Amino acid sequence: MKKKTSFGKVIIIVIVFLLLILANNALYHVNYNDAVIVKQFGKVVGVTYEPGLHVLIPFVQDTQSIYVGNRIYDIPQSDVITRDKKSMIADDYVIWSVTDVVKYYQTLGAVQARAEERIDAAVYNATKNTISSMTQDEVIAARGITLTDMITKESNTDIAGYGITIRTAEIKALDLPEDNKAPVYERMISERGNIAAGYTAKGEADAQKIRNETDREVTITLANAEKEAETLQAEGEAEYMRILSEAYNDADKADFYNFIRSLDALKLSLTGSDKTLILDKDSELAKILSGQAVEEAAGDIVFPAVNSQDAEEEE
């Protein structure tokens, strides 16, 4: 009995062990940013992208995991020649990823080193072709997103057959050989100086134009103001002449006006400390002071009389 019990336990342990082996070969795990190729007798029969545990046929199918997230690859520096035969040194880096895992496996065996060899060649050729189609000035002007887009687009044309997509192929450094730097920098400084001089000249021309327009507007405004002032003055003089005309139109008004004007003249002549007044006996003021003009012009208004004989003696 004891032998049978021991044998049964061994059988159970063997079965459990076999089941564990079977389960281990029947399950596979997919990580985040991974894709798993399912192969049957070496042939790809499926690709799994969903993270988690999945089932396959044990002992018949096997798997290979491939990372499909973005990778960074730093490409060694290379010499390139511009269209105007100027040498430049380009230092690129690449962000790439696997977008077709089956093609990537079939062409490169899903080996990263092989993929980077193809990327290196594709980006170098794209950089060389792009820069060789441009002058040095055009290359410098296109540095940044423009040049990056051009190189990335051409690189993907060469690498597309390997199931790889280059997200960006960017030049992190684009420099001149040491023996070319000084003359190029001098030429760039001269060109920038010419551009600055052009801007300055344009600014001065615009400023002079503004000044001329302002002077013209001021001249027109002053002319209009002077014209309006002369018009107002002429209207005032016309009104003044009309009032005088009305004042002299009637004899009584004219006499009274002359009388008032004479009084005003007398008042002005008696300013200051010297109150002596010397008059001709026939003057209007003498008549006023003697009472003749007062009686004629003012009726009941009587001024103290002045002896005309005394006036003659004073003269």
Protein backbone atom coordinates (compact mmCIF):
# COMPACT_ATOMS: atom_id res chain seq x y z
CA MET A 1 0.00 0.00 0.00
CA LYS A 2 2.78 2.37 0.91
CA LYS A 3 4.52 1.69 -2.42
CA LYS A 4 1.33 2.41 -4.37
CA THR A 5 0.76 5.66 -2.44
CA SER A 6 4.31 6.84 -3.11
CA PHE A 7 4.01 5.97 -6.81
CA GLY A 8 0.76 7.93 -7.08
CA LYS A 9 2.35 10.99 -5.54
CA VAL A 10 5.20 10.83 -8.02
CA ILE A 11 2.73 10.61 -10.90
CA ILE A 12 0.87 13.69 -9.62
CA ILE A 13 4.09 15.65 -9.24
CA VAL A 14 5.14 14.72 -12.78
CA ILE A 15 1.75 15.74 -14.18
CA VAL A 16 1.85 19.07 -12.35
CA PHE A 17 5.36 19.69 -13.60
CA LEU A 18 4.32 18.91 -17.17
CA LEU A 19 1.33 21.20 -16.83
CA LEU A 20 3.57 24.01 -15.63
CA ILE A 21 5.89 23.51 -18.58
CA LEU A 22 2.89 23.45 -20.90
CA ALA A 23 1.48 26.62 -19.37
CA ASN A 24 4.85 28.35 -19.61
CA ASN A 25 5.06 27.53 -23.30
CA ALA A 26 1.42 28.35 -23.98
CA LEU A 27 1.48 31.90 -22.50
CA TYR A 28 3.44 34.99 -23.46
CA HIS A 29 3.49 38.52 -22.13
CA VAL A 30 3.41 41.81 -24.08
CA ASN A 31 4.94 44.91 -22.45
CA TYR A 32 3.90 48.51 -23.00
CA ASN A 33 5.61 50.00 -26.14
CA ASP A 34 6.37 46.46 -27.33
CA ALA A 35 4.98 44.39 -30.16
CA VAL A 36 5.29 40.57 -30.12
CA ILE A 37 5.69 38.58 -33.32
CA VAL A 38 4.17 35.10 -33.18
CA LYS A 39 6.10 32.65 -35.36
CA GLN A 40 5.16 29.15 -36.38
CA PHE A 41 7.99 27.04 -37.78
CA GLY A 42 9.92 30.28 -38.42
CA LYS A 43 7.09 31.98 -40.31
CA VAL A 44 5.32 35.05 -38.88
CA VAL A 45 1.66 34.18 -38.26
CA GLY A 46 0.62 37.09 -36.09
CA VAL A 47 1.59 40.30 -34.29
CA THR A 48 0.27 41.32 -30.86
CA TYR A 49 0.35 44.93 -29.68
CA GLU A 50 -2.07 44.72 -26.71
CA PRO A 51 -0.15 44.67 -23.36
CA GLY A 52 -0.82 41.70 -21.07
CA LEU A 53 -0.86 37.87 -21.18
CA HIS A 54 -1.72 36.03 -24.40
CA VAL A 55 -1.95 32.40 -25.48
CA LEU A 56 -0.12 30.51 -28.22
CA ILE A 57 0.23 26.93 -29.30
CA PRO A 58 2.98 25.40 -27.16
CA PHE A 59 5.97 23.69 -28.78
CA VAL A 60 4.64 24.79 -32.21
CA GLN A 61 4.70 28.55 -31.98
CA ASP A 62 7.26 30.87 -30.48
CA THR A 63 7.49 34.65 -30.04
CA GLN A 64 9.90 37.57 -30.45
CA SER A 65 9.40 40.90 -28.70
CA ILE A 66 10.21 44.14 -30.59
CA TYR A 67 10.31 47.62 -29.04
CA VAL A 68 8.13 50.01 -31.05
CA GLY A 69 8.64 53.20 -29.00
CA ASN A 70 10.88 56.10 -30.08
CA ARG A 71 14.63 55.58 -30.03
CA ILE A 72 17.46 58.15 -30.28
CA TYR A 73 20.49 57.50 -32.41
CA ASP A 74 23.44 59.91 -32.55
CA ILE A 75 25.05 59.87 -35.98
CA PRO A 76 28.80 60.59 -36.24
CA GLN A 77 29.94 63.88 -37.77
CA SER A 78 30.39 64.01 -41.52
CA ASP A 79 31.80 66.44 -44.07
CA VAL A 80 29.40 67.79 -46.68
CA ILE A 81 29.90 70.11 -49.65
CA THR A 82 27.50 72.89 -50.60
CA ARG A 83 26.45 73.74 -54.12
CA ASP A 84 28.99 76.58 -54.22
CA LYS A 85 31.76 74.13 -53.22
CA LYS A 86 32.03 75.20 -49.58
CA SER A 87 32.88 72.52 -47.03
CA MET A 88 30.77 72.17 -43.89
CA ILE A 89 30.67 69.73 -40.97
CA ALA A 90 27.25 68.25 -40.09
CA ASP A 91 26.49 66.50 -36.80
CA ASP A 92 23.04 64.82 -36.83
CA TYR A 93 20.90 62.93 -34.40
CA VAL A 94 17.84 60.85 -35.23
CA ILE A 95 14.62 59.90 -33.44
CA TRP A 96 13.23 56.74 -35.03
CA SER A 97 10.82 53.90 -34.34
CA VAL A 98 9.62 50.61 -35.81
CA THR A 99 6.27 51.09 -37.53
CA ASP A 100 6.05 47.79 -39.44
CA VAL A 101 7.32 45.00 -37.17
CA VAL A 102 6.89 42.25 -39.76
CA LYS A 103 8.96 44.10 -42.39
CA TYR A 104 11.48 45.05 -39.70
CA TYR A 105 11.84 41.40 -38.71
CA GLN A 106 11.99 40.09 -42.25
CA THR A 107 14.56 42.62 -43.56
CA LEU A 108 16.75 43.27 -40.52
CA GLY A 109 15.97 40.32 -38.27
CA ALA A 110 14.71 42.83 -35.69
CA VAL A 111 18.33 43.64 -34.81
CA GLN A 112 18.79 47.24 -33.64
CA ALA A 113 22.44 47.49 -34.74
CA ARG A 114 21.47 46.60 -38.32
CA ALA A 115 18.69 49.18 -38.24
CA GLU A 116 21.06 51.91 -37.08
CA GLU A 117 23.50 51.05 -39.86
CA ARG A 118 20.72 51.63 -42.42
CA ILE A 119 19.62 54.81 -40.63
CA ASP A 120 23.19 56.11 -40.58
CA ALA A 121 23.54 55.63 -44.33
CA ALA A 122 20.10 57.05 -45.12
CA VAL A 123 20.53 60.20 -43.02
CA TYR A 124 24.06 60.82 -44.26
CA ASN A 125 22.92 60.55 -47.89
CA ALA A 126 19.92 62.80 -47.22
CA THR A 127 22.08 65.40 -45.46
CA LYS A 128 24.69 65.32 -48.22
CA ASN A 129 22.09 65.57 -51.02
CA THR A 130 20.13 68.34 -49.30
CA ILE A 131 23.14 70.52 -48.52
CA SER A 132 24.77 69.90 -51.90
CA SER A 133 21.65 71.32 -53.57
CA MET A 134 21.99 74.63 -51.66
CA THR A 135 24.58 77.37 -51.41
CA GLN A 136 26.28 77.97 -48.09
CA ASP A 137 24.19 81.10 -47.50
CA GLU A 138 21.01 79.15 -48.22
CA VAL A 139 22.08 76.39 -45.82
CA ILE A 140 22.73 78.90 -43.05
CA ALA A 141 19.40 80.63 -43.72
CA ALA A 142 17.54 77.27 -43.68
CA ARG A 143 19.04 76.06 -40.39
CA GLY A 144 16.39 74.85 -38.02
CA ILE A 145 13.00 73.40 -38.89
CA THR A 146 13.31 74.00 -42.64
CA LEU A 147 16.53 72.03 -43.03
CA THR A 148 15.31 69.37 -40.56
CA ASP A 149 12.12 68.78 -42.53
CA MET A 150 14.03 68.43 -45.79
CA ILE A 151 16.52 65.90 -44.39
CA THR A 152 13.83 63.94 -42.52
CA LYS A 153 11.67 63.64 -45.62
CA GLU A 154 14.49 62.36 -47.82
CA SER A 155 15.77 59.99 -45.12
CA ASN A 156 12.36 58.31 -44.84
CA THR A 157 12.33 57.78 -48.59
CA ASP A 158 15.45 55.61 -48.27
CA ILE A 159 14.54 53.80 -45.04
CA ALA A 160 10.86 53.04 -45.64
CA GLY A 161 11.55 49.53 -46.96
CA TYR A 162 12.85 48.37 -43.58
CA GLY A 163 9.69 48.98 -41.56
CA ILE A 164 11.33 51.99 -39.87
CA THR A 165 10.09 55.57 -39.68
CA ILE A 166 12.45 58.43 -38.88
CA ARG A 167 10.48 60.86 -36.73
CA THR A 168 13.08 63.60 -37.05
CA ALA A 169 16.59 63.82 -38.47
CA GLU A 170 17.97 67.03 -37.06
CA ILE A 171 21.34 68.68 -37.42
CA LYS A 172 22.41 69.52 -33.89
CA ALA A 173 25.60 71.21 -35.12
CA LEU A 174 26.43 72.62 -38.54
CA ASP A 175 29.82 74.23 -38.54
CA LEU A 176 32.58 75.37 -40.84
CA PRO A 177 36.06 73.93 -41.02
CA GLU A 178 38.49 75.99 -38.95
CA ASP A 179 40.31 77.41 -41.99
CA ASN A 180 37.03 78.69 -43.50
CA LYS A 181 35.49 80.30 -40.43
CA ALA A 182 37.28 83.67 -40.47
CA PRO A 183 36.51 84.71 -44.10
CA VAL A 184 32.93 83.44 -43.85
CA TYR A 185 32.30 85.34 -40.63
CA GLU A 186 33.80 88.51 -42.16
CA ARG A 187 31.57 88.16 -45.19
CA MET A 188 28.51 87.58 -42.98
CA ILE A 189 29.37 90.67 -40.91
CA SER A 190 29.77 92.72 -44.09
CA GLU A 191 26.44 91.50 -45.44
CA ARG A 192 24.69 92.26 -42.16
CA GLY A 193 26.30 95.71 -42.20
CA ASN A 194 24.94 96.33 -45.70
CA ILE A 195 21.49 95.19 -44.61
CA ALA A 196 21.66 97.49 -41.57
CA ALA A 197 22.75 100.40 -43.76
CA GLY A 198 19.84 99.71 -46.08
CA TYR A 199 17.40 99.75 -43.16
CA THR A 200 18.97 102.98 -41.87
CA ALA A 201 18.71 104.67 -45.27
CA LYS A 202 15.10 103.58 -45.65
CA GLY A 203 14.33 104.83 -42.15
CA GLU A 204 15.91 108.20 -42.87
CA ALA A 205 14.01 108.48 -46.15
CA ASP A 206 10.74 107.65 -44.41
CA ALA A 207 11.55 110.14 -41.65
CA GLN A 208 12.27 112.88 -44.19
CA LYS A 209 9.04 112.07 -46.00
CA ILE A 210 7.12 112.37 -42.73
CA ARG A 211 8.86 115.67 -41.95
CA ASN A 212 8.04 117.04 -45.40
CA GLU A 213 4.40 116.03 -45.08
CA THR A 214 4.24 117.57 -41.60
CA ASP A 215 5.83 120.82 -42.83
CA ARG A 216 3.37 120.93 -45.71
CA GLU A 217 0.43 120.38 -43.37
CA VAL A 218 1.73 123.10 -41.01
CA THR A 219 2.15 125.50 -43.95
CA ILE A 220 -1.37 124.77 -45.17
CA THR A 221 -2.79 125.13 -41.65
CA LEU A 222 -1.01 128.47 -41.12
CA ALA A 223 -2.11 129.73 -44.53
CA ASN A 224 -5.71 128.80 -43.78
CA ALA A 225 -5.47 130.44 -40.36
CA GLU A 226 -4.01 133.63 -41.83
CA LYS A 227 -6.67 133.64 -44.52
CA GLU A 228 -9.40 133.19 -41.92
CA ALA A 229 -7.82 135.91 -39.74
CA GLU A 230 -7.70 138.32 -42.70
CA THR A 231 -11.32 137.47 -43.49
CA LEU A 232 -12.36 138.15 -39.90
CA GLN A 233 -10.32 141.36 -39.83
CA ALA A 234 -11.90 142.50 -43.08
CA GLU A 235 -15.35 141.71 -41.71
CA GLY A 236 -14.50 143.62 -38.52
CA GLU A 237 -13.29 146.63 -40.47
CA ALA A 238 -16.37 146.49 -42.63
CA GLU A 239 -18.54 146.42 -39.53
CA TYR A 240 -16.50 149.30 -38.08
CA MET A 241 -16.97 151.34 -41.25
CA ARG A 242 -20.66 150.54 -41.22
CA ILE A 243 -20.98 151.81 -37.66
CA LEU A 244 -19.02 154.97 -38.55
CA SER A 245 -21.18 155.41 -41.59
CA GLU A 246 -24.28 155.17 -39.46
CA ALA A 247 -22.73 157.59 -36.93
CA TYR A 248 -21.94 160.18 -39.61
CA ASN A 249 -25.12 159.62 -41.55
CA ASP A 250 -27.07 161.91 -39.21
CA ALA A 251 -25.84 165.46 -38.45
CA ASP A 252 -26.75 165.34 -34.78
CA LYS A 253 -25.06 161.98 -34.36
CA ALA A 254 -21.98 163.24 -36.18
CA ASP A 255 -21.73 166.30 -33.96
CA PHE A 256 -22.21 164.23 -30.84
CA TYR A 257 -19.60 161.75 -32.02
CA ASN A 258 -17.11 164.57 -32.66
CA PHE A 259 -17.95 165.97 -29.24
CA ILE A 260 -17.24 162.63 -27.52
CA ARG A 261 -14.02 162.16 -29.46
CA SER A 262 -12.87 165.63 -28.43
CA LEU A 263 -13.60 164.84 -24.79
CA ASP A 264 -11.58 161.66 -25.09
CA ALA A 265 -8.70 163.60 -26.59
CA LEU A 266 -8.93 166.17 -23.80
CA LYS A 267 -8.88 163.42 -21.17
CA LEU A 268 -5.81 161.84 -22.70
CA SER A 269 -3.99 165.17 -22.89
CA LEU A 270 -4.50 165.89 -19.17
CA THR A 271 -2.61 162.87 -17.90
CA GLY A 272 0.48 163.24 -15.75
CA SER A 273 1.47 165.98 -13.26
CA ASP A 274 1.49 168.86 -15.79
CA LYS A 275 -2.15 170.01 -16.22
CA THR A 276 -1.34 172.98 -18.51
CA LEU A 277 -3.14 172.84 -21.84
CA ILE A 278 -2.30 175.21 -24.68
CA LEU A 279 -4.93 175.34 -27.43
CA ASP A 280 -5.68 177.33 -30.52
CA LYS A 281 -8.73 179.47 -30.04
CA ASP A 282 -10.39 177.94 -33.09
CA SER A 283 -9.82 174.33 -32.00
CA GLU A 284 -12.71 172.12 -31.02
CA LEU A 285 -11.28 171.71 -27.51
CA ALA A 286 -11.09 175.46 -27.03
CA LYS A 287 -14.69 175.70 -28.13
CA ILE A 288 -15.67 172.97 -25.65
CA LEU A 289 -13.85 174.65 -22.78
CA SER A 290 -15.27 178.08 -23.69
CA GLY A 291 -18.74 176.60 -23.69
CA GLN A 292 -19.58 177.18 -27.34
CA ALA A 293 -19.37 173.59 -28.46
CA VAL A 294 -20.95 172.37 -25.30
CA GLU A 295 -24.01 174.45 -25.83
CA GLU A 296 -24.18 173.43 -29.46
CA ALA A 297 -23.65 169.67 -28.88
CA ALA A 298 -24.88 168.95 -25.39
CA GLY A 299 -27.73 171.31 -24.78
CA ASP A 300 -28.07 171.57 -21.00
CA ILE A 301 -24.54 170.30 -20.29
CA VAL A 302 -22.35 173.29 -19.34
CA PHE A 303 -18.58 173.21 -18.73
CA PRO A 304 -16.66 175.95 -16.96
CA ALA A 305 -15.64 178.59 -19.49
CA VAL A 306 -12.10 179.49 -20.20
CA ASN A 307 -11.23 183.08 -21.21
CA SER A 308 -9.97 182.91 -24.76
CA GLN A 309 -8.00 186.14 -24.19
CA ASP A 310 -6.07 184.45 -21.41
CA ALA A 311 -5.45 181.57 -23.75
CA GLU A 312 -4.06 184.03 -26.31
CA GLU A 313 -1.81 185.59 -23.70
CA GLU A 314 -0.57 182.17 -22.69
CA GLU A 315 0.25 181.43 -26.30
